[in-house]
Amino acid sequence: MTTPTVTNGITATELYHLVNQPAGDNTPEWPEGTISLDETNQTLIWELSDYGNLAITLSRSENEWMAMAPIAAVEGVKNSAELNEVLLRQGISLPLASVGIVEIDGHDVYVAYGQLFGDSKLESICAELHATAGAAMEVAELIQTHFV
């Protein structure tokens, strides 16, 4: 069985089953790690072993996929205003991903995220996961080096 490359608006549940199929000739190289499914929220949750056990979610809404990886709590950054300026000025150098602040469990957290159309190709979704994870790792290194 070959894996289709166009998703045609598949659900997170359907993508979960595709990702868990044995690799074939046309299968994208999904990030290595464990994957689980939150079917209620149409979200795939990865713990990426090839990105230092980074947690990343891939959520499906009506019209889009969103990949998001938490990086660091805002309160743990010694000069968040300076970091914010650096991130805004460097934003263009993080290909295919953006950095923002979201509230997770009542705390503001820096996250890397990327968004795709809901009918994106599997290869594009896979590339977005890698790009978001890579951006999260770059920003985490920046924070560790200069802001903790």
N, C-alpha and C. Protein backbone atom coordinates (compact mmCIF):
# COMPACT_ATOMS: atom_id res chain seq x y z
N MET A 1 0.85 -1.18 0.00
CA MET A 1 0.00 0.00 0.00
C MET A 1 0.89 1.24 0.00
N THR A 2 0.65 2.15 -0.90
CA THR A 2 1.42 3.39 -0.93
C THR A 2 0.71 4.45 -0.11
N THR A 3 1.49 5.31 0.48
CA THR A 3 0.94 6.38 1.31
C THR A 3 0.60 7.57 0.42
N PRO A 4 -0.62 8.08 0.50
CA PRO A 4 -0.96 9.26 -0.32
C PRO A 4 -0.17 10.47 0.15
N THR A 5 0.14 11.36 -0.79
CA THR A 5 0.89 12.54 -0.40
C THR A 5 -0.01 13.73 -0.12
N VAL A 6 -1.21 13.75 -0.69
CA VAL A 6 -2.13 14.86 -0.45
C VAL A 6 -3.11 14.42 0.63
N THR A 7 -3.28 15.25 1.63
CA THR A 7 -4.08 14.85 2.78
C THR A 7 -5.58 15.02 2.56
N ASN A 8 -5.98 15.90 1.65
CA ASN A 8 -7.41 16.15 1.41
C ASN A 8 -8.18 16.41 2.69
N GLY A 9 -7.55 17.12 3.62
CA GLY A 9 -8.24 17.50 4.85
C GLY A 9 -8.45 16.35 5.81
N ILE A 10 -7.52 15.42 5.90
CA ILE A 10 -7.67 14.29 6.81
C ILE A 10 -7.65 14.77 8.26
N THR A 11 -8.12 13.93 9.13
CA THR A 11 -8.15 14.25 10.56
C THR A 11 -6.81 13.88 11.19
N ALA A 12 -6.62 14.33 12.40
CA ALA A 12 -5.42 13.95 13.16
C ALA A 12 -5.40 12.44 13.39
N THR A 13 -6.56 11.84 13.59
CA THR A 13 -6.65 10.40 13.79
C THR A 13 -6.16 9.66 12.55
N GLU A 14 -6.59 10.11 11.38
CA GLU A 14 -6.16 9.47 10.14
C GLU A 14 -4.65 9.67 9.92
N LEU A 15 -4.15 10.85 10.24
CA LEU A 15 -2.71 11.10 10.10
C LEU A 15 -1.93 10.22 11.07
N TYR A 16 -2.42 10.06 12.27
CA TYR A 16 -1.77 9.19 13.26
C TYR A 16 -1.59 7.79 12.70
N HIS A 17 -2.62 7.27 12.07
CA HIS A 17 -2.54 5.92 11.49
C HIS A 17 -1.55 5.88 10.32
N LEU A 18 -1.52 6.93 9.51
CA LEU A 18 -0.56 6.99 8.40
C LEU A 18 0.88 7.04 8.91
N VAL A 19 1.12 7.85 9.94
CA VAL A 19 2.47 7.98 10.49
C VAL A 19 2.94 6.66 11.09
N ASN A 20 2.02 5.89 11.64
CA ASN A 20 2.38 4.63 12.30
C ASN A 20 2.47 3.45 11.34
N GLN A 21 2.20 3.66 10.05
CA GLN A 21 2.36 2.58 9.07
C GLN A 21 3.84 2.30 8.87
N PRO A 22 4.16 1.07 8.47
CA PRO A 22 5.57 0.81 8.13
C PRO A 22 6.02 1.74 7.00
N ALA A 23 7.28 2.17 7.09
CA ALA A 23 7.82 3.09 6.08
C ALA A 23 7.82 2.42 4.72
N GLY A 24 7.44 3.19 3.72
CA GLY A 24 7.46 2.71 2.33
C GLY A 24 8.26 3.66 1.48
N ASP A 25 8.24 3.42 0.19
CA ASP A 25 9.00 4.24 -0.74
C ASP A 25 8.59 5.70 -0.74
N ASN A 26 7.29 5.98 -0.62
CA ASN A 26 6.79 7.36 -0.70
C ASN A 26 6.52 7.98 0.66
N THR A 27 6.93 7.31 1.73
CA THR A 27 6.63 7.78 3.08
C THR A 27 7.62 8.87 3.49
N PRO A 28 7.11 10.00 3.98
CA PRO A 28 8.02 11.04 4.49
C PRO A 28 8.80 10.54 5.70
N GLU A 29 9.96 11.15 5.96
CA GLU A 29 10.75 10.79 7.13
C GLU A 29 10.27 11.58 8.34
N TRP A 30 9.29 11.01 9.04
CA TRP A 30 8.73 11.65 10.22
C TRP A 30 9.80 11.72 11.30
N PRO A 31 9.73 12.72 12.18
CA PRO A 31 10.72 12.80 13.28
C PRO A 31 10.68 11.52 14.11
N GLU A 32 11.86 11.11 14.59
CA GLU A 32 11.96 9.92 15.45
C GLU A 32 11.45 10.25 16.84
N GLY A 33 10.71 9.32 17.41
CA GLY A 33 10.23 9.50 18.78
C GLY A 33 8.94 8.76 19.00
N THR A 34 8.39 8.95 20.17
CA THR A 34 7.11 8.33 20.48
C THR A 34 5.99 9.29 20.10
N ILE A 35 4.89 8.73 19.67
CA ILE A 35 3.75 9.53 19.23
C ILE A 35 2.49 8.99 19.89
N SER A 36 1.65 9.92 20.34
CA SER A 36 0.35 9.53 20.88
C SER A 36 -0.70 10.43 20.25
N LEU A 37 -1.94 10.04 20.42
CA LEU A 37 -3.07 10.75 19.82
C LEU A 37 -4.03 11.20 20.89
N ASP A 38 -4.36 12.48 20.88
CA ASP A 38 -5.46 13.02 21.69
C ASP A 38 -6.60 13.23 20.70
N GLU A 39 -7.42 12.19 20.57
CA GLU A 39 -8.47 12.20 19.55
C GLU A 39 -9.51 13.29 19.80
N THR A 40 -9.81 13.56 21.06
CA THR A 40 -10.81 14.58 21.40
C THR A 40 -10.40 15.95 20.88
N ASN A 41 -9.12 16.27 21.00
CA ASN A 41 -8.61 17.58 20.57
C ASN A 41 -7.97 17.54 19.19
N GLN A 42 -8.08 16.41 18.49
CA GLN A 42 -7.48 16.24 17.16
C GLN A 42 -6.02 16.70 17.16
N THR A 43 -5.25 16.13 18.11
CA THR A 43 -3.86 16.52 18.31
C THR A 43 -2.98 15.29 18.40
N LEU A 44 -1.87 15.33 17.66
CA LEU A 44 -0.83 14.32 17.78
C LEU A 44 0.25 14.90 18.70
N ILE A 45 0.75 14.09 19.61
CA ILE A 45 1.76 14.54 20.56
C ILE A 45 3.00 13.66 20.38
N TRP A 46 4.10 14.31 20.01
CA TRP A 46 5.36 13.61 19.81
C TRP A 46 6.32 13.95 20.94
N GLU A 47 7.13 12.98 21.32
CA GLU A 47 8.33 13.23 22.12
C GLU A 47 9.47 12.84 21.19
N LEU A 48 10.16 13.84 20.67
CA LEU A 48 11.12 13.64 19.59
C LEU A 48 12.50 13.27 20.12
N SER A 49 12.86 12.02 19.98
CA SER A 49 14.16 11.57 20.45
C SER A 49 15.30 12.16 19.62
N ASP A 50 15.04 12.45 18.35
CA ASP A 50 16.12 13.02 17.53
C ASP A 50 16.25 14.54 17.71
N TYR A 51 15.46 15.11 18.62
CA TYR A 51 15.58 16.53 18.99
C TYR A 51 15.64 16.64 20.51
N GLY A 52 16.41 15.76 21.15
CA GLY A 52 16.61 15.84 22.59
C GLY A 52 15.37 15.62 23.42
N ASN A 53 14.47 14.74 22.97
CA ASN A 53 13.20 14.45 23.64
C ASN A 53 12.27 15.66 23.73
N LEU A 54 12.37 16.52 22.75
CA LEU A 54 11.51 17.69 22.66
C LEU A 54 10.06 17.27 22.48
N ALA A 55 9.16 17.89 23.23
CA ALA A 55 7.73 17.65 23.06
C ALA A 55 7.22 18.59 21.97
N ILE A 56 6.42 18.05 21.06
CA ILE A 56 5.83 18.87 20.01
C ILE A 56 4.43 18.34 19.73
N THR A 57 3.52 19.26 19.52
CA THR A 57 2.15 18.86 19.20
C THR A 57 1.84 19.27 17.77
N LEU A 58 0.98 18.51 17.14
CA LEU A 58 0.46 18.83 15.82
C LEU A 58 -1.05 18.74 15.92
N SER A 59 -1.70 19.91 15.85
CA SER A 59 -3.15 19.98 16.04
C SER A 59 -3.84 20.29 14.73
N ARG A 60 -5.01 19.71 14.58
CA ARG A 60 -5.82 19.92 13.38
C ARG A 60 -7.06 20.71 13.77
N SER A 61 -7.26 21.84 13.10
CA SER A 61 -8.52 22.57 13.25
C SER A 61 -9.25 22.47 11.93
N GLU A 62 -10.31 23.19 11.78
CA GLU A 62 -11.12 23.08 10.57
C GLU A 62 -10.33 23.34 9.30
N ASN A 63 -9.47 24.36 9.30
CA ASN A 63 -8.77 24.76 8.08
C ASN A 63 -7.26 24.70 8.13
N GLU A 64 -6.69 24.23 9.24
CA GLU A 64 -5.23 24.26 9.33
C GLU A 64 -4.68 23.19 10.24
N TRP A 65 -3.38 22.96 10.06
CA TRP A 65 -2.56 22.19 10.98
C TRP A 65 -1.67 23.19 11.71
N MET A 66 -1.45 22.97 13.01
CA MET A 66 -0.52 23.82 13.75
C MET A 66 0.44 22.92 14.53
N ALA A 67 1.73 23.12 14.28
CA ALA A 67 2.77 22.44 15.04
C ALA A 67 3.27 23.42 16.10
N MET A 68 3.45 22.92 17.33
CA MET A 68 3.91 23.81 18.40
C MET A 68 4.80 23.03 19.37
N ALA A 69 5.93 23.68 19.72
CA ALA A 69 6.87 23.09 20.67
C ALA A 69 7.19 24.11 21.76
N PRO A 70 6.93 23.79 23.03
CA PRO A 70 7.31 24.70 24.10
C PRO A 70 8.83 24.76 24.23
N ILE A 71 9.32 25.97 24.54
CA ILE A 71 10.77 26.17 24.63
C ILE A 71 11.19 26.44 26.07
N ALA A 72 10.64 27.51 26.67
CA ALA A 72 11.04 27.89 28.03
C ALA A 72 9.97 28.80 28.63
N ALA A 73 9.84 28.75 29.94
CA ALA A 73 8.93 29.65 30.64
C ALA A 73 9.48 31.07 30.56
N VAL A 74 8.61 32.03 30.29
CA VAL A 74 9.02 33.43 30.21
C VAL A 74 9.65 33.87 31.53
N GLU A 75 9.08 33.43 32.65
CA GLU A 75 9.58 33.85 33.96
C GLU A 75 11.00 33.33 34.23
N GLY A 76 11.46 32.33 33.49
CA GLY A 76 12.80 31.80 33.67
C GLY A 76 13.86 32.52 32.86
N VAL A 77 13.44 33.51 32.07
CA VAL A 77 14.37 34.26 31.23
C VAL A 77 14.71 35.55 31.97
N LYS A 78 16.01 35.81 32.16
CA LYS A 78 16.39 36.95 33.00
C LYS A 78 16.12 38.30 32.36
N ASN A 79 16.09 38.41 31.05
CA ASN A 79 15.78 39.68 30.40
C ASN A 79 14.89 39.40 29.19
N SER A 80 13.61 39.17 29.47
CA SER A 80 12.69 38.77 28.40
C SER A 80 12.48 39.88 27.37
N ALA A 81 12.56 41.15 27.78
CA ALA A 81 12.39 42.25 26.82
C ALA A 81 13.51 42.21 25.78
N GLU A 82 14.74 41.98 26.23
CA GLU A 82 15.86 41.90 25.29
C GLU A 82 15.72 40.66 24.39
N LEU A 83 15.34 39.52 24.98
CA LEU A 83 15.14 38.31 24.20
C LEU A 83 14.05 38.53 23.15
N ASN A 84 12.96 39.17 23.55
CA ASN A 84 11.87 39.43 22.60
C ASN A 84 12.37 40.23 21.41
N GLU A 85 13.19 41.25 21.67
CA GLU A 85 13.73 42.05 20.57
C GLU A 85 14.64 41.21 19.67
N VAL A 86 15.49 40.40 20.28
CA VAL A 86 16.38 39.53 19.50
C VAL A 86 15.55 38.59 18.63
N LEU A 87 14.51 37.99 19.22
CA LEU A 87 13.68 37.05 18.47
C LEU A 87 12.94 37.74 17.33
N LEU A 88 12.45 38.96 17.57
CA LEU A 88 11.76 39.68 16.49
C LEU A 88 12.73 40.04 15.37
N ARG A 89 13.94 40.39 15.72
CA ARG A 89 14.93 40.74 14.70
C ARG A 89 15.46 39.51 13.97
N GLN A 90 15.49 38.36 14.64
CA GLN A 90 16.00 37.14 14.03
C GLN A 90 14.91 36.30 13.39
N GLY A 91 13.67 36.68 13.54
CA GLY A 91 12.55 35.87 13.07
C GLY A 91 12.68 35.37 11.66
N ILE A 92 13.21 36.19 10.79
CA ILE A 92 13.35 35.80 9.40
C ILE A 92 14.37 34.68 9.24
N SER A 93 15.32 34.57 10.15
CA SER A 93 16.35 33.54 10.02
C SER A 93 15.90 32.18 10.53
N LEU A 94 14.69 32.05 11.06
CA LEU A 94 14.16 30.76 11.48
C LEU A 94 13.22 30.27 10.38
N PRO A 95 13.71 29.45 9.46
CA PRO A 95 12.90 29.06 8.31
C PRO A 95 11.68 28.24 8.69
N LEU A 96 10.56 28.57 8.10
CA LEU A 96 9.31 27.81 8.21
C LEU A 96 8.71 27.76 9.61
N ALA A 97 9.21 28.54 10.54
CA ALA A 97 8.68 28.51 11.91
C ALA A 97 8.68 29.91 12.48
N SER A 98 7.86 30.10 13.49
CA SER A 98 7.79 31.38 14.20
C SER A 98 7.95 31.10 15.68
N VAL A 99 8.21 32.17 16.44
CA VAL A 99 8.32 32.06 17.89
C VAL A 99 7.30 33.00 18.50
N GLY A 100 6.63 32.54 19.52
CA GLY A 100 5.63 33.35 20.20
C GLY A 100 5.57 32.99 21.67
N ILE A 101 4.63 33.60 22.35
CA ILE A 101 4.38 33.32 23.76
C ILE A 101 2.93 32.89 23.89
N VAL A 102 2.71 31.75 24.54
CA VAL A 102 1.36 31.28 24.82
C VAL A 102 1.27 30.90 26.29
N GLU A 103 0.07 30.86 26.79
CA GLU A 103 -0.14 30.43 28.17
C GLU A 103 -0.38 28.94 28.20
N ILE A 104 0.44 28.24 28.98
CA ILE A 104 0.30 26.80 29.16
C ILE A 104 0.23 26.54 30.65
N ASP A 105 -0.85 25.92 31.10
CA ASP A 105 -1.04 25.62 32.52
C ASP A 105 -0.85 26.85 33.41
N GLY A 106 -1.33 28.00 32.96
CA GLY A 106 -1.28 29.22 33.76
C GLY A 106 0.03 29.97 33.71
N HIS A 107 0.97 29.54 32.89
CA HIS A 107 2.27 30.20 32.79
C HIS A 107 2.54 30.59 31.34
N ASP A 108 3.13 31.78 31.15
CA ASP A 108 3.54 32.19 29.81
C ASP A 108 4.79 31.42 29.41
N VAL A 109 4.77 30.88 28.20
CA VAL A 109 5.85 30.02 27.72
C VAL A 109 6.22 30.45 26.30
N TYR A 110 7.53 30.56 26.04
CA TYR A 110 7.99 30.74 24.67
C TYR A 110 7.75 29.44 23.92
N VAL A 111 7.23 29.55 22.71
CA VAL A 111 6.99 28.38 21.87
C VAL A 111 7.48 28.66 20.46
N ALA A 112 7.88 27.60 19.78
CA ALA A 112 8.09 27.66 18.33
C ALA A 112 6.83 27.07 17.72
N TYR A 113 6.37 27.66 16.63
CA TYR A 113 5.17 27.13 15.99
C TYR A 113 5.21 27.36 14.49
N GLY A 114 4.43 26.56 13.82
CA GLY A 114 4.27 26.69 12.39
C GLY A 114 2.85 26.30 12.02
N GLN A 115 2.34 26.89 10.96
CA GLN A 115 0.98 26.63 10.53
C GLN A 115 0.96 26.24 9.06
N LEU A 116 0.05 25.34 8.73
CA LEU A 116 -0.13 24.87 7.36
C LEU A 116 -1.61 24.79 7.04
N PHE A 117 -1.92 24.86 5.76
CA PHE A 117 -3.30 24.64 5.34
C PHE A 117 -3.72 23.22 5.71
N GLY A 118 -5.00 23.05 5.96
CA GLY A 118 -5.53 21.75 6.35
C GLY A 118 -5.38 20.67 5.31
N ASP A 119 -5.24 21.04 4.06
CA ASP A 119 -5.09 20.04 3.00
C ASP A 119 -3.66 19.95 2.48
N SER A 120 -2.70 20.33 3.31
CA SER A 120 -1.29 20.27 2.92
C SER A 120 -0.85 18.84 2.66
N LYS A 121 0.17 18.69 1.83
CA LYS A 121 0.75 17.38 1.55
C LYS A 121 1.42 16.83 2.80
N LEU A 122 1.48 15.50 2.88
CA LEU A 122 2.15 14.87 4.01
C LEU A 122 3.59 15.34 4.14
N GLU A 123 4.28 15.49 3.00
CA GLU A 123 5.66 15.96 3.02
C GLU A 123 5.78 17.34 3.65
N SER A 124 4.80 18.20 3.40
CA SER A 124 4.81 19.55 3.97
C SER A 124 4.57 19.50 5.48
N ILE A 125 3.67 18.65 5.91
CA ILE A 125 3.41 18.50 7.35
C ILE A 125 4.66 17.97 8.04
N CYS A 126 5.28 16.98 7.45
CA CYS A 126 6.50 16.41 8.00
C CYS A 126 7.60 17.46 8.08
N ALA A 127 7.77 18.23 6.99
CA ALA A 127 8.80 19.29 6.97
C ALA A 127 8.52 20.34 8.03
N GLU A 128 7.25 20.66 8.25
CA GLU A 128 6.89 21.66 9.26
C GLU A 128 7.25 21.16 10.66
N LEU A 129 7.03 19.88 10.93
CA LEU A 129 7.42 19.33 12.23
C LEU A 129 8.92 19.46 12.45
N HIS A 130 9.70 19.11 11.43
CA HIS A 130 11.16 19.23 11.55
C HIS A 130 11.57 20.70 11.72
N ALA A 131 10.96 21.59 10.95
CA ALA A 131 11.31 23.02 11.02
C ALA A 131 10.95 23.60 12.39
N THR A 132 9.79 23.25 12.91
CA THR A 132 9.37 23.76 14.22
C THR A 132 10.29 23.22 15.31
N ALA A 133 10.61 21.94 15.24
CA ALA A 133 11.51 21.35 16.24
C ALA A 133 12.90 22.00 16.15
N GLY A 134 13.40 22.20 14.93
CA GLY A 134 14.70 22.84 14.75
C GLY A 134 14.72 24.25 15.30
N ALA A 135 13.65 25.01 15.04
CA ALA A 135 13.56 26.38 15.55
C ALA A 135 13.51 26.38 17.07
N ALA A 136 12.77 25.45 17.65
CA ALA A 136 12.70 25.36 19.11
C ALA A 136 14.07 25.09 19.71
N MET A 137 14.83 24.21 19.07
CA MET A 137 16.17 23.90 19.56
C MET A 137 17.10 25.12 19.44
N GLU A 138 17.01 25.85 18.33
CA GLU A 138 17.85 27.05 18.15
C GLU A 138 17.53 28.11 19.20
N VAL A 139 16.25 28.34 19.44
CA VAL A 139 15.86 29.36 20.42
C VAL A 139 16.23 28.91 21.83
N ALA A 140 16.06 27.62 22.13
CA ALA A 140 16.45 27.11 23.45
C ALA A 140 17.94 27.31 23.68
N GLU A 141 18.74 27.08 22.65
CA GLU A 141 20.19 27.29 22.77
C GLU A 141 20.50 28.77 22.98
N LEU A 142 19.81 29.65 22.27
CA LEU A 142 19.98 31.11 22.45
C LEU A 142 19.65 31.50 23.88
N ILE A 143 18.55 30.99 24.40
CA ILE A 143 18.14 31.31 25.77
C ILE A 143 19.16 30.80 26.77
N GLN A 144 19.59 29.54 26.61
CA GLN A 144 20.59 28.97 27.52
C GLN A 144 21.89 29.74 27.50
N THR A 145 22.30 30.17 26.32
CA THR A 145 23.59 30.85 26.16
C THR A 145 23.59 32.28 26.68
N HIS A 146 22.49 33.01 26.48
CA HIS A 146 22.50 34.44 26.75
C HIS A 146 21.46 34.95 27.75
N PHE A 147 20.44 34.15 28.08
CA PHE A 147 19.35 34.72 28.86
C PHE A 147 18.98 33.94 30.13
N VAL A 148 19.79 33.01 30.55
CA VAL A 148 19.50 32.30 31.80
C VAL A 148 20.59 32.56 32.80
